[in-house]
PDB file of N, CA and C in Angstrom:
ATOM      1  N   MET A   1      28.991 113.429-112.041  1.00  0.00           N
ATOM      2  CA  MET A   1      27.981 114.439-112.104  1.00  0.00           C
ATOM      3  C   MET A   1      27.496 114.648-110.636  1.00  0.00           C
ATOM      4  N   SER A   2      27.468 115.935-110.214  1.00  0.00           N
ATOM      5  CA  SER A   2      27.008 116.269-108.874  1.00  0.00           C
ATOM      6  C   SER A   2      25.619 116.284-108.778  1.00  0.00           C
ATOM      7  N   GLU A   3      25.146 116.099-107.529  1.00  0.00           N
ATOM      8  CA  GLU A   3      23.669 116.257-107.229  1.00  0.00           C
ATOM      9  C   GLU A   3      23.322 117.732-107.335  1.00  0.00           C
ATOM     10  N   SER A   4      22.096 117.947-107.826  1.00  0.00           N
ATOM     11  CA  SER A   4      21.626 119.286-107.845  1.00  0.00           C
ATOM     12  C   SER A   4      20.404 119.459-106.903  1.00  0.00           C
ATOM     13  N   VAL A   5      20.219 120.703-106.500  1.00  0.00           N
ATOM     14  CA  VAL A   5      19.063 120.994-105.669  1.00  0.00           C
ATOM     15  C   VAL A   5      18.340 122.143-106.211  1.00  0.00           C
ATOM     16  N   ARG A   6      17.086 122.293-105.952  1.00  0.00           N
ATOM     17  CA  ARG A   6      16.271 123.445-106.417  1.00  0.00           C
ATOM     18  C   ARG A   6      16.200 124.389-105.241  1.00  0.00           C
ATOM     19  N   ILE A   7      16.572 125.655-105.495  1.00  0.00           N
ATOM     20  CA  ILE A   7      16.443 126.705-104.566  1.00  0.00           C
ATOM     21  C   ILE A   7      15.670 127.871-105.265  1.00  0.00           C
ATOM     22  N   TYR A   8      15.411 128.816-104.479  1.00  0.00           N
ATOM     23  CA  TYR A   8      14.662 130.036-104.938  1.00  0.00           C
ATOM     24  C   TYR A   8      15.414 131.262-104.537  1.00  0.00           C
ATOM     25  N   ILE A   9      15.627 132.148-105.497  1.00  0.00           N
ATOM     26  CA  ILE A   9      16.277 133.406-105.227  1.00  0.00           C
ATOM     27  C   ILE A   9      15.303 134.504-105.758  1.00  0.00           C
ATOM     28  N   ASN A  10      14.915 135.418-104.872  1.00  0.00           N
ATOM     29  CA  ASN A  10      13.964 136.373-105.159  1.00  0.00           C
ATOM     30  C   ASN A  10      12.720 135.822-105.881  1.00  0.00           C
ATOM     31  N   GLY A  11      12.280 134.673-105.444  1.00  0.00           N
ATOM     32  CA  GLY A  11      11.101 134.037-106.008  1.00  0.00           C
ATOM     33  C   GLY A  11      11.271 133.237-107.333  1.00  0.00           C
ATOM     34  N   LYS A  12      12.539 133.264-107.860  1.00  0.00           N
ATOM     35  CA  LYS A  12      12.768 132.550-109.106  1.00  0.00           C
ATOM     36  C   LYS A  12      13.444 131.227-108.758  1.00  0.00           C
ATOM     37  N   PRO A  13      12.920 130.134-109.316  1.00  0.00           N
ATOM     38  CA  PRO A  13      13.555 128.805-109.084  1.00  0.00           C
ATOM     39  C   PRO A  13      14.862 128.690-109.892  1.00  0.00           C
ATOM     40  N   ILE A  14      15.852 128.077-109.196  1.00  0.00           N
ATOM     41  CA  ILE A  14      17.063 127.863-109.894  1.00  0.00           C
ATOM     42  C   ILE A  14      17.656 126.510-109.392  1.00  0.00           C
ATOM     43  N   ASP A  15      18.281 125.754-110.264  1.00  0.00           N
ATOM     44  CA  ASP A  15      18.906 124.477-109.954  1.00  0.00           C
ATOM     45  C   ASP A  15      20.388 124.720-109.820  1.00  0.00           C
ATOM     46  N   VAL A  16      20.971 124.363-108.685  1.00  0.00           N
ATOM     47  CA  VAL A  16      22.396 124.501-108.492  1.00  0.00           C
ATOM     48  C   VAL A  16      22.951 123.173-107.886  1.00  0.00           C
ATOM     49  N   GLU A  17      24.308 123.118-108.005  1.00  0.00           N
ATOM     50  CA  GLU A  17      24.895 121.882-107.381  1.00  0.00           C
ATOM     51  C   GLU A  17      24.744 122.025-105.823  1.00  0.00           C
ATOM     52  N   ALA A  18      24.562 120.866-105.199  1.00  0.00           N
ATOM     53  CA  ALA A  18      24.242 120.778-103.801  1.00  0.00           C
ATOM     54  C   ALA A  18      25.443 121.277-102.992  1.00  0.00           C
ATOM     55  N   SER A  19      26.624 121.306-103.616  1.00  0.00           N
ATOM     56  CA  SER A  19      27.910 121.714-102.790  1.00  0.00           C
ATOM     57  C   SER A  19      28.158 123.218-102.770  1.00  0.00           C
ATOM     58  N   VAL A  20      27.346 124.033-103.531  1.00  0.00           N
ATOM     59  CA  VAL A  20      27.651 125.422-103.587  1.00  0.00           C
ATOM     60  C   VAL A  20      27.221 126.143-102.397  1.00  0.00           C
ATOM     61  N   THR A  21      27.825 127.414-102.250  1.00  0.00           N
ATOM     62  CA  THR A  21      27.360 128.304-101.109  1.00  0.00           C
ATOM     63  C   THR A  21      26.291 129.241-101.627  1.00  0.00           C
ATOM     64  N   ALA A  22      25.713 129.952-100.708  1.00  0.00           N
ATOM     65  CA  ALA A  22      24.648 130.954-101.078  1.00  0.00           C
ATOM     66  C   ALA A  22      25.156 131.960-102.039  1.00  0.00           C
ATOM     67  N   LEU A  23      26.365 132.452-101.874  1.00  0.00           N
ATOM     68  CA  LEU A  23      26.868 133.441-102.810  1.00  0.00           C
ATOM     69  C   LEU A  23      27.217 132.813-104.132  1.00  0.00           C
ATOM     70  N   GLU A  24      27.672 131.615-104.167  1.00  0.00           N
ATOM     71  CA  GLU A  24      27.950 130.972-105.465  1.00  0.00           C
ATOM     72  C   GLU A  24      26.630 130.753-106.190  1.00  0.00           C
ATOM     73  N   ALA A  25      25.548 130.475-105.449  1.00  0.00           N
ATOM     74  CA  ALA A  25      24.263 130.211-106.103  1.00  0.00           C
ATOM     75  C   ALA A  25      23.731 131.544-106.656  1.00  0.00           C
ATOM     76  N   VAL A  26      23.935 132.624-105.928  1.00  0.00           N
ATOM     77  CA  VAL A  26      23.494 133.940-106.434  1.00  0.00           C
ATOM     78  C   VAL A  26      24.318 134.255-107.711  1.00  0.00           C
ATOM     79  N   ALA A  27      25.608 134.041-107.697  1.00  0.00           N
ATOM     80  CA  ALA A  27      26.480 134.318-108.824  1.00  0.00           C
ATOM     81  C   ALA A  27      26.008 133.537-110.038  1.00  0.00           C
ATOM     82  N   SER A  28      25.568 132.307-109.889  1.00  0.00           N
ATOM     83  CA  SER A  28      25.167 131.517-111.085  1.00  0.00           C
ATOM     84  C   SER A  28      23.738 132.064-111.551  1.00  0.00           C
ATOM     85  N   TRP A  29      22.971 132.734-110.685  1.00  0.00           N
ATOM     86  CA  TRP A  29      21.707 133.268-110.952  1.00  0.00           C
ATOM     87  C   TRP A  29      21.879 134.662-111.677  1.00  0.00           C
ATOM     88  N   ASP A  30      22.702 135.545-111.000  1.00  0.00           N
ATOM     89  CA  ASP A  30      22.904 136.924-111.519  1.00  0.00           C
ATOM     90  C   ASP A  30      24.228 137.455-110.916  1.00  0.00           C
ATOM     91  N   GLU A  31      25.173 137.493-111.794  1.00  0.00           N
ATOM     92  CA  GLU A  31      26.523 137.928-111.392  1.00  0.00           C
ATOM     93  C   GLU A  31      26.558 139.382-110.873  1.00  0.00           C
ATOM     94  N   THR A  32      25.688 140.231-111.476  1.00  0.00           N
ATOM     95  CA  THR A  32      25.629 141.585-110.976  1.00  0.00           C
ATOM     96  C   THR A  32      25.173 141.654-109.546  1.00  0.00           C
ATOM     97  N   GLN A  33      24.168 140.827-109.130  1.00  0.00           N
ATOM     98  CA  GLN A  33      23.776 140.822-107.758  1.00  0.00           C
ATOM     99  C   GLN A  33      24.889 140.262-106.833  1.00  0.00           C
ATOM    100  N   ALA A  34      25.589 139.231-107.341  1.00  0.00           N
ATOM    101  CA  ALA A  34      26.677 138.705-106.534  1.00  0.00           C
ATOM    102  C   ALA A  34      27.797 139.750-106.388  1.00  0.00           C
ATOM    103  N   THR A  35      28.081 140.566-107.337  1.00  0.00           N
ATOM    104  CA  THR A  35      29.069 141.598-107.249  1.00  0.00           C
ATOM    105  C   THR A  35      28.676 142.621-106.177  1.00  0.00           C
ATOM    106  N   ALA A  36      27.393 142.966-106.176  1.00  0.00           N
ATOM    107  CA  ALA A  36      26.855 143.946-105.246  1.00  0.00           C
ATOM    108  C   ALA A  36      26.937 143.410-103.823  1.00  0.00           C
ATOM    109  N   ILE A  37      26.753 142.081-103.611  1.00  0.00           N
ATOM    110  CA  ILE A  37      26.907 141.464-102.413  1.00  0.00           C
ATOM    111  C   ILE A  37      28.325 141.492-101.883  1.00  0.00           C
ATOM    112  N   ARG A  38      29.265 141.115-102.820  1.00  0.00           N
ATOM    113  CA  ARG A  38      30.665 141.165-102.433  1.00  0.00           C
ATOM    114  C   ARG A  38      31.085 142.571-102.088  1.00  0.00           C
ATOM    115  N   GLY A  39      30.485 143.595-102.727  1.00  0.00           N
ATOM    116  CA  GLY A  39      30.874 144.964-102.515  1.00  0.00           C
ATOM    117  C   GLY A  39      30.182 145.587-101.293  1.00  0.00           C
ATOM    118  N   GLY A  40      29.280 144.826-100.585  1.00  0.00           N
ATOM    119  CA  GLY A  40      28.618 145.377 -99.456  1.00  0.00           C
ATOM    120  C   GLY A  40      27.392 146.172 -99.707  1.00  0.00           C
ATOM    121  N   GLU A  41      26.927 146.183-101.011  1.00  0.00           N
ATOM    122  CA  GLU A  41      25.756 146.954-101.327  1.00  0.00           C
ATOM    123  C   GLU A  41      24.434 146.165-101.111  1.00  0.00           C
ATOM    124  N   ARG A  42      24.512 144.921-101.105  1.00  0.00           N
ATOM    125  CA  ARG A  42      23.466 144.007-101.022  1.00  0.00           C
ATOM    126  C   ARG A  42      23.816 142.865-100.045  1.00  0.00           C
ATOM    127  N   MET A  43      22.748 142.208 -99.545  1.00  0.00           N
ATOM    128  CA  MET A  43      23.019 141.039 -98.665  1.00  0.00           C
ATOM    129  C   MET A  43      21.992 139.987 -98.983  1.00  0.00           C
ATOM    130  N   ILE A  44      22.271 138.740 -98.515  1.00  0.00           N
ATOM    131  CA  ILE A  44      21.401 137.641 -98.677  1.00  0.00           C
ATOM    132  C   ILE A  44      20.633 137.366 -97.362  1.00  0.00           C
ATOM    133  N   THR A  45      19.336 137.233 -97.482  1.00  0.00           N
ATOM    134  CA  THR A  45      18.545 136.821 -96.348  1.00  0.00           C
ATOM    135  C   THR A  45      17.730 135.593 -96.682  1.00  0.00           C
ATOM    136  N   ASP A  46      17.187 135.010 -95.626  1.00  0.00           N
ATOM    137  CA  ASP A  46      16.285 133.836 -95.905  1.00  0.00           C
ATOM    138  C   ASP A  46      14.879 134.432 -96.098  1.00  0.00           C
ATOM    139  N   SER A  47      13.950 133.575 -96.127  1.00  0.00           N
ATOM    140  CA  SER A  47      12.540 133.990 -96.414  1.00  0.00           C
ATOM    141  C   SER A  47      11.971 134.779 -95.394  1.00  0.00           C
ATOM    142  N   ARG A  48      12.538 134.698 -94.137  1.00  0.00           N
ATOM    143  CA  ARG A  48      12.030 135.516 -92.986  1.00  0.00           C
ATOM    144  C   ARG A  48      12.810 136.875 -92.885  1.00  0.00           C
ATOM    145  N   GLY A  49      13.783 137.100 -93.709  1.00  0.00           N
ATOM    146  CA  GLY A  49      14.492 138.353 -93.633  1.00  0.00           C
ATOM    147  C   GLY A  49      15.755 138.286 -92.722  1.00  0.00           C
ATOM    148  N   ILE A  50      16.063 137.046 -92.265  1.00  0.00           N
ATOM    149  CA  ILE A  50      17.244 136.816 -91.412  1.00  0.00           C
ATOM    150  C   ILE A  50      18.450 136.730 -92.317  1.00  0.00           C
ATOM    151  N   LEU A  51      19.572 137.397 -91.951  1.00  0.00           N
ATOM    152  CA  LEU A  51      20.766 137.406 -92.705  1.00  0.00           C
ATOM    153  C   LEU A  51      21.378 136.049 -92.837  1.00  0.00           C
ATOM    154  N   ILE A  52      21.721 135.753 -94.081  1.00  0.00           N
ATOM    155  CA  ILE A  52      22.388 134.398 -94.395  1.00  0.00           C
ATOM    156  C   ILE A  52      23.851 134.702 -94.660  1.00  0.00           C
ATOM    157  N   GLY A  53      24.765 134.023 -94.148  1.00  0.00           N
ATOM    158  CA  GLY A  53      26.195 134.157 -94.525  1.00  0.00           C
ATOM    159  C   GLY A  53      26.457 133.801 -96.008  1.00  0.00           C
ATOM    160  N   ASN A  54      27.282 134.534 -96.632  1.00  0.00           N
ATOM    161  CA  ASN A  54      27.632 134.241 -97.953  1.00  0.00           C
ATOM    162  C   ASN A  54      28.130 132.848 -98.175  1.00  0.00           C
ATOM    163  N   ASP A  55      28.807 132.300 -97.146  1.00  0.00           N
ATOM    164  CA  ASP A  55      29.388 130.960 -97.280  1.00  0.00           C
ATOM    165  C   ASP A  55      28.446 129.856 -96.701  1.00  0.00           C
ATOM    166  N   ALA A  56      27.231 130.236 -96.463  1.00  0.00           N
ATOM    167  CA  ALA A  56      26.241 129.144 -95.992  1.00  0.00           C
ATOM    168  C   ALA A  56      25.961 128.228 -97.174  1.00  0.00           C
ATOM    169  N   PRO A  57      25.891 126.995 -96.757  1.00  0.00           N
ATOM    170  CA  PRO A  57      25.617 125.950 -97.759  1.00  0.00           C
ATOM    171  C   PRO A  57      24.101 126.006 -98.254  1.00  0.00           C
ATOM    172  N   VAL A  58      23.864 125.711 -99.439  1.00  0.00           N
ATOM    173  CA  VAL A  58      22.504 125.657 -99.991  1.00  0.00           C
ATOM    174  C   VAL A  58      21.882 124.303 -99.611  1.00  0.00           C
ATOM    175  N   HIS A  59      20.564 124.239 -99.604  1.00  0.00           N
ATOM    176  CA  HIS A  59      19.852 122.948 -99.366  1.00  0.00           C
ATOM    177  C   HIS A  59      18.591 123.030-100.263  1.00  0.00           C
ATOM    178  N   ASN A  60      18.114 121.877-100.537  1.00  0.00           N
ATOM    179  CA  ASN A  60      16.968 121.780-101.413  1.00  0.00           C
ATOM    180  C   ASN A  60      15.738 122.587-100.805  1.00  0.00           C
ATOM    181  N   GLY A  61      15.176 123.384-101.595  1.00  0.00           N
ATOM    182  CA  GLY A  61      14.077 124.274-101.149  1.00  0.00           C
ATOM    183  C   GLY A  61      14.438 125.514-100.536  1.00  0.00           C
ATOM    184  N   ALA A  62      15.694 125.832-100.383  1.00  0.00           N
ATOM    185  CA  ALA A  62      16.146 127.033 -99.713  1.00  0.00           C
ATOM    186  C   ALA A  62      15.528 128.349-100.423  1.00  0.00           C
ATOM    187  N   ILE A  63      15.158 129.246 -99.643  1.00  0.00           N
ATOM    188  CA  ILE A  63      14.636 130.529-100.244  1.00  0.00           C
ATOM    189  C   ILE A  63      15.568 131.700 -99.788  1.00  0.00           C
ATOM    190  N   PHE A  64      16.155 132.359-100.836  1.00  0.00           N
ATOM    191  CA  PHE A  64      17.053 133.433-100.488  1.00  0.00           C
ATOM    192  C   PHE A  64      16.429 134.681-101.100  1.00  0.00           C
ATOM    193  N   ARG A  65      16.633 135.834-100.433  1.00  0.00           N
ATOM    194  CA  ARG A  65      16.250 137.069-100.999  1.00  0.00           C
ATOM    195  C   ARG A  65      17.399 137.991-101.016  1.00  0.00           C
ATOM    196  N   ILE A  66      17.574 138.786-102.054  1.00  0.00           N
ATOM    197  CA  ILE A  66      18.686 139.757-102.163  1.00  0.00           C
ATOM    198  C   ILE A  66      18.063 141.068-101.797  1.00  0.00           C
ATOM    199  N   VAL A  67      18.629 141.761-100.795  1.00  0.00           N
ATOM    200  CA  VAL A  67      18.115 142.994-100.321  1.00  0.00           C
ATOM    201  C   VAL A  67      19.309 144.017-100.144  1.00  0.00           C
ATOM    202  N   ARG A  68      18.939 145.304-100.088  1.00  0.00           N
ATOM    203  CA  ARG A  68      19.937 146.286 -99.828  1.00  0.00           C
ATOM    204  C   ARG A  68      20.624 146.036 -98.493  1.00  0.00           C
ATOM    205  N   ASP A  69      21.883 146.430 -98.425  1.00  0.00           N
ATOM    206  CA  ASP A  69      22.584 146.123 -97.221  1.00  0.00           C
ATOM    207  C   ASP A  69      22.094 146.946 -96.019  1.00  0.00           C
ATOM    208  N   ARG A  70      21.863 148.252 -96.187  1.00  0.00           N
ATOM    209  CA  ARG A  70      21.364 149.049 -95.130  1.00  0.00           C
ATOM    210  C   ARG A  70      20.504 150.195 -95.701  1.00  0.00           C
ATOM    211  N   GLN A  71      19.647 150.652 -94.883  1.00  0.00           N
ATOM    212  CA  GLN A  71      18.964 151.879 -95.204  1.00  0.00           C
ATOM    213  C   GLN A  71      19.729 153.097 -94.779  1.00  0.00           C
ATOM    214  N   SER A  72      19.910 154.057 -95.571  1.00  0.00           N
ATOM    215  CA  SER A  72      20.517 155.242 -95.098  1.00  0.00           C
ATOM    216  C   SER A  72      19.463 156.085 -94.372  1.00  0.00           C
ATOM    217  N   ALA A  73      19.862 157.032 -93.468  1.00  0.00           N
ATOM    218  CA  ALA A  73      18.976 157.844 -92.802  1.00  0.00           C
ATOM    219  C   ALA A  73      17.998 158.493 -93.679  1.00  0.00           C
ATOM    220  N   GLY A  74      18.447 159.044 -94.890  1.00  0.00           N
ATOM    221  CA  GLY A  74      17.572 159.651 -95.799  1.00  0.00           C
ATOM    222  C   GLY A  74      16.529 158.792 -96.417  1.00  0.00           C
ATOM    223  N   ASP A  75      16.742 157.509 -96.388  1.00  0.00           N
ATOM    224  CA  ASP A  75      15.746 156.559 -96.932  1.00  0.00           C
ATOM    225  C   ASP A  75      14.689 156.146 -95.950  1.00  0.00           C
ATOM    226  N   ASP A  76      14.998 156.437 -94.651  1.00  0.00           N
ATOM    227  CA  ASP A  76      14.119 156.049 -93.596  1.00  0.00           C
ATOM    228  C   ASP A  76      13.065 157.096 -93.262  1.00  0.00           C
ATOM    229  N   PRO A  77      11.793 156.769 -93.531  1.00  0.00           N
ATOM    230  CA  PRO A  77      10.779 157.815 -93.279  1.00  0.00           C
ATOM    231  C   PRO A  77      10.524 158.111 -91.779  1.00  0.00           C
ATOM    232  N   ASP A  78      11.018 157.123 -90.941  1.00  0.00           N
ATOM    233  CA  ASP A  78      10.878 157.319 -89.438  1.00  0.00           C
ATOM    234  C   ASP A  78      12.087 157.936 -88.845  1.00  0.00           C
ATOM    235  N   PHE A  79      13.078 158.221 -89.671  1.00  0.00           N
ATOM    236  CA  PHE A  79      14.338 158.812 -89.074  1.00  0.00           C
ATOM    237  C   PHE A  79      14.083 160.177 -88.589  1.00  0.00           C
ATOM    238  N   ASP A  80      14.485 160.415 -87.316  1.00  0.00           N
ATOM    239  CA  ASP A  80      14.339 161.800 -86.721  1.00  0.00           C
ATOM    240  C   ASP A  80      15.719 162.315 -86.364  1.00  0.00           C
ATOM    241  N   SER A  81      16.226 163.293 -87.134  1.00  0.00           N
ATOM    242  CA  SER A  81      17.570 163.777 -86.960  1.00  0.00           C
ATOM    243  C   SER A  81      17.575 164.836 -85.849  1.00  0.00           C
ATOM    244  N   LEU A  82      16.526 165.126 -85.160  1.00  0.00           N
ATOM    245  CA  LEU A  82      16.429 166.083 -84.079  1.00  0.00           C
ATOM    246  C   LEU A  82      16.941 167.373 -84.559  1.00  0.00           C
TER     247      LEU A  82
END
C-alpha cells in the first residue's frame, strides 16, 4: 500500500498517492478538468497563482488551483486595441 498525502484542488481536500504528479492528482479529482489541462484550455497554479508543471510531484498540503490558460483580448477589460 502506498503512502497517501492530503492536497487541495480548488479548495477541496483530496487524498492521493504520494507518488502522483499534479496532473494525475487533478485527473483523480475531476477527469474533465484534467482533459482541459491536457488540451491547453486550463492550467494548474499554486496558491499564489504561479504556474505548476503538470509533471510536478505532489506533497502533503499542496494547494492547486485550476484556471483558464489565457485571457483572450475580448475577455480583458483593460485591453486597448487602439
